[in-house]
Amino acid sequence: TEEAEAISTALNALGDPCRQLLLLYYWEELSMDEIAMRMGFANADTVKSKKYQCKKTLERMLKGFE
């Protein structure tokens, strides 16, 4: 669908580590602790903060595709 294509395009434009973090959280449904270990973040709180920043960036990008 058009929405899925826009999300895919925005995720690719987002780049790492945001793309990886969001995929691990939303698609692989890993916990914040698991993501912290896998990506080398200090702790789950750091992951939570970074996820928030990445999600906001993705939302801004998607508004540009509308």
N, C-alpha and C. Protein backbone atom coordinates (compact mmCIF):
# COMPACT_ATOMS: atom_id res chain seq x y z
N THR A 1 0.83 -1.19 0.00
CA THR A 1 0.00 0.00 0.00
C THR A 1 0.88 1.25 0.00
N GLU A 2 0.24 2.35 -0.23
CA GLU A 2 0.96 3.63 -0.29
C GLU A 2 1.56 4.00 1.07
N GLU A 3 0.81 3.72 2.13
CA GLU A 3 1.28 4.03 3.49
C GLU A 3 2.52 3.19 3.84
N ALA A 4 2.47 1.91 3.52
CA ALA A 4 3.60 1.02 3.81
C ALA A 4 4.83 1.45 3.03
N GLU A 5 4.63 1.88 1.80
CA GLU A 5 5.75 2.35 0.97
C GLU A 5 6.36 3.62 1.56
N ALA A 6 5.53 4.52 2.04
CA ALA A 6 6.03 5.76 2.64
C ALA A 6 6.83 5.46 3.90
N ILE A 7 6.34 4.52 4.72
CA ILE A 7 7.05 4.15 5.95
C ILE A 7 8.39 3.51 5.60
N SER A 8 8.40 2.62 4.62
CA SER A 8 9.63 1.96 4.20
C SER A 8 10.65 2.98 3.69
N THR A 9 10.20 3.91 2.89
CA THR A 9 11.08 4.95 2.34
C THR A 9 11.65 5.81 3.46
N ALA A 10 10.78 6.20 4.40
CA ALA A 10 11.23 7.03 5.52
C ALA A 10 12.22 6.28 6.41
N LEU A 11 11.96 5.00 6.67
CA LEU A 11 12.88 4.20 7.48
C LEU A 11 14.25 4.11 6.82
N ASN A 12 14.26 3.90 5.52
CA ASN A 12 15.54 3.82 4.81
C ASN A 12 16.28 5.15 4.84
N ALA A 13 15.55 6.25 4.75
CA ALA A 13 16.17 7.57 4.79
C ALA A 13 16.63 7.92 6.21
N LEU A 14 16.00 7.31 7.21
CA LEU A 14 16.32 7.58 8.60
C LEU A 14 17.75 7.18 8.94
N GLY A 15 18.19 6.06 8.40
CA GLY A 15 19.55 5.61 8.64
C GLY A 15 19.72 4.94 9.99
N ASP A 16 20.89 4.32 10.17
CA ASP A 16 21.21 3.67 11.44
C ASP A 16 21.73 4.71 12.42
N PRO A 17 21.61 4.56 13.71
CA PRO A 17 21.03 3.42 14.43
C PRO A 17 19.52 3.49 14.58
N CYS A 18 18.90 4.61 14.18
CA CYS A 18 17.45 4.74 14.37
C CYS A 18 16.67 3.64 13.67
N ARG A 19 17.00 3.37 12.43
CA ARG A 19 16.27 2.34 11.69
C ARG A 19 16.36 1.00 12.42
N GLN A 20 17.56 0.63 12.83
CA GLN A 20 17.77 -0.64 13.52
C GLN A 20 17.01 -0.68 14.84
N LEU A 21 17.09 0.38 15.61
CA LEU A 21 16.42 0.44 16.90
C LEU A 21 14.91 0.27 16.73
N LEU A 22 14.32 1.01 15.80
CA LEU A 22 12.87 0.93 15.61
C LEU A 22 12.45 -0.44 15.09
N LEU A 23 13.23 -1.03 14.21
CA LEU A 23 12.91 -2.37 13.72
C LEU A 23 12.99 -3.40 14.84
N LEU A 24 14.02 -3.31 15.66
CA LEU A 24 14.15 -4.25 16.77
C LEU A 24 12.98 -4.12 17.74
N TYR A 25 12.54 -2.90 17.98
CA TYR A 25 11.46 -2.69 18.95
C TYR A 25 10.09 -3.06 18.38
N TYR A 26 9.77 -2.54 17.19
CA TYR A 26 8.41 -2.72 16.67
C TYR A 26 8.22 -4.02 15.89
N TRP A 27 9.22 -4.46 15.15
CA TRP A 27 9.05 -5.66 14.33
C TRP A 27 9.51 -6.93 15.05
N GLU A 28 10.65 -6.86 15.72
CA GLU A 28 11.13 -8.04 16.44
C GLU A 28 10.62 -8.09 17.87
N GLU A 29 9.99 -6.99 18.31
CA GLU A 29 9.37 -6.89 19.63
C GLU A 29 10.33 -7.24 20.77
N LEU A 30 11.57 -6.75 20.66
CA LEU A 30 12.55 -6.96 21.72
C LEU A 30 12.31 -5.94 22.84
N SER A 31 12.73 -6.30 24.04
CA SER A 31 12.60 -5.38 25.17
C SER A 31 13.69 -4.31 25.08
N MET A 32 13.51 -3.27 25.86
CA MET A 32 14.51 -2.19 25.90
C MET A 32 15.86 -2.74 26.36
N ASP A 33 15.84 -3.64 27.34
CA ASP A 33 17.10 -4.24 27.83
C ASP A 33 17.79 -5.06 26.73
N GLU A 34 17.01 -5.83 25.97
CA GLU A 34 17.58 -6.64 24.89
C GLU A 34 18.19 -5.75 23.80
N ILE A 35 17.49 -4.66 23.49
CA ILE A 35 17.99 -3.73 22.48
C ILE A 35 19.27 -3.06 22.98
N ALA A 36 19.30 -2.68 24.25
CA ALA A 36 20.49 -2.05 24.82
C ALA A 36 21.70 -2.97 24.69
N MET A 37 21.51 -4.24 25.02
CA MET A 37 22.61 -5.20 24.91
C MET A 37 23.04 -5.39 23.46
N ARG A 38 22.07 -5.55 22.58
CA ARG A 38 22.37 -5.83 21.17
C ARG A 38 23.04 -4.65 20.48
N MET A 39 22.64 -3.42 20.83
CA MET A 39 23.15 -2.25 20.14
C MET A 39 24.26 -1.53 20.89
N GLY A 40 24.56 -1.98 22.10
CA GLY A 40 25.66 -1.38 22.85
C GLY A 40 25.31 -0.10 23.59
N PHE A 41 24.03 0.10 23.88
CA PHE A 41 23.63 1.26 24.68
C PHE A 41 23.91 0.98 26.15
N ALA A 42 24.04 2.03 26.94
CA ALA A 42 24.37 1.89 28.36
C ALA A 42 23.30 1.14 29.13
N ASN A 43 22.03 1.45 28.87
CA ASN A 43 20.94 0.81 29.59
C ASN A 43 19.61 1.03 28.86
N ALA A 44 18.54 0.46 29.44
CA ALA A 44 17.21 0.55 28.82
C ALA A 44 16.71 1.99 28.74
N ASP A 45 17.06 2.82 29.73
CA ASP A 45 16.62 4.21 29.70
C ASP A 45 17.22 4.97 28.52
N THR A 46 18.46 4.66 28.19
CA THR A 46 19.11 5.28 27.03
C THR A 46 18.39 4.87 25.75
N VAL A 47 18.02 3.60 25.66
CA VAL A 47 17.28 3.09 24.49
C VAL A 47 15.94 3.80 24.38
N LYS A 48 15.25 3.93 25.51
CA LYS A 48 13.94 4.57 25.53
C LYS A 48 14.02 6.00 25.02
N SER A 49 15.03 6.73 25.47
CA SER A 49 15.22 8.11 25.04
C SER A 49 15.53 8.19 23.54
N LYS A 50 16.42 7.32 23.09
CA LYS A 50 16.80 7.30 21.67
C LYS A 50 15.61 6.89 20.81
N LYS A 51 14.81 5.93 21.26
CA LYS A 51 13.63 5.48 20.51
C LYS A 51 12.66 6.64 20.33
N TYR A 52 12.47 7.42 21.40
CA TYR A 52 11.57 8.57 21.33
C TYR A 52 12.06 9.57 20.27
N GLN A 53 13.35 9.87 20.32
CA GLN A 53 13.93 10.81 19.35
C GLN A 53 13.77 10.29 17.92
N CYS A 54 14.06 9.01 17.73
CA CYS A 54 13.98 8.41 16.39
C CYS A 54 12.55 8.39 15.88
N LYS A 55 11.61 8.06 16.77
CA LYS A 55 10.21 8.01 16.38
C LYS A 55 9.71 9.38 15.97
N LYS A 56 10.10 10.41 16.72
CA LYS A 56 9.69 11.78 16.37
C LYS A 56 10.28 12.19 15.02
N THR A 57 11.52 11.83 14.77
CA THR A 57 12.14 12.14 13.48
C THR A 57 11.40 11.43 12.35
N LEU A 58 11.07 10.17 12.56
CA LEU A 58 10.32 9.41 11.55
C LEU A 58 8.96 10.03 11.29
N GLU A 59 8.27 10.45 12.34
CA GLU A 59 6.96 11.09 12.18
C GLU A 59 7.07 12.38 11.36
N ARG A 60 8.11 13.17 11.63
CA ARG A 60 8.31 14.41 10.85
C ARG A 60 8.57 14.07 9.38
N MET A 61 9.35 13.03 9.13
CA MET A 61 9.64 12.63 7.76
C MET A 61 8.37 12.17 7.05
N LEU A 62 7.53 11.42 7.75
CA LEU A 62 6.30 10.91 7.14
C LEU A 62 5.34 12.04 6.81
N LYS A 63 5.32 13.10 7.62
CA LYS A 63 4.47 14.25 7.31
C LYS A 63 4.91 14.89 5.99
N GLY A 64 6.20 14.80 5.69
CA GLY A 64 6.71 15.33 4.43
C GLY A 64 6.28 14.54 3.23
N PHE A 65 5.89 13.27 3.43
CA PHE A 65 5.45 12.42 2.32
C PHE A 65 3.97 12.57 2.01
N GLU A 66 3.23 13.25 2.90
CA GLU A 66 1.78 13.39 2.69
C GLU A 66 1.47 14.33 1.57
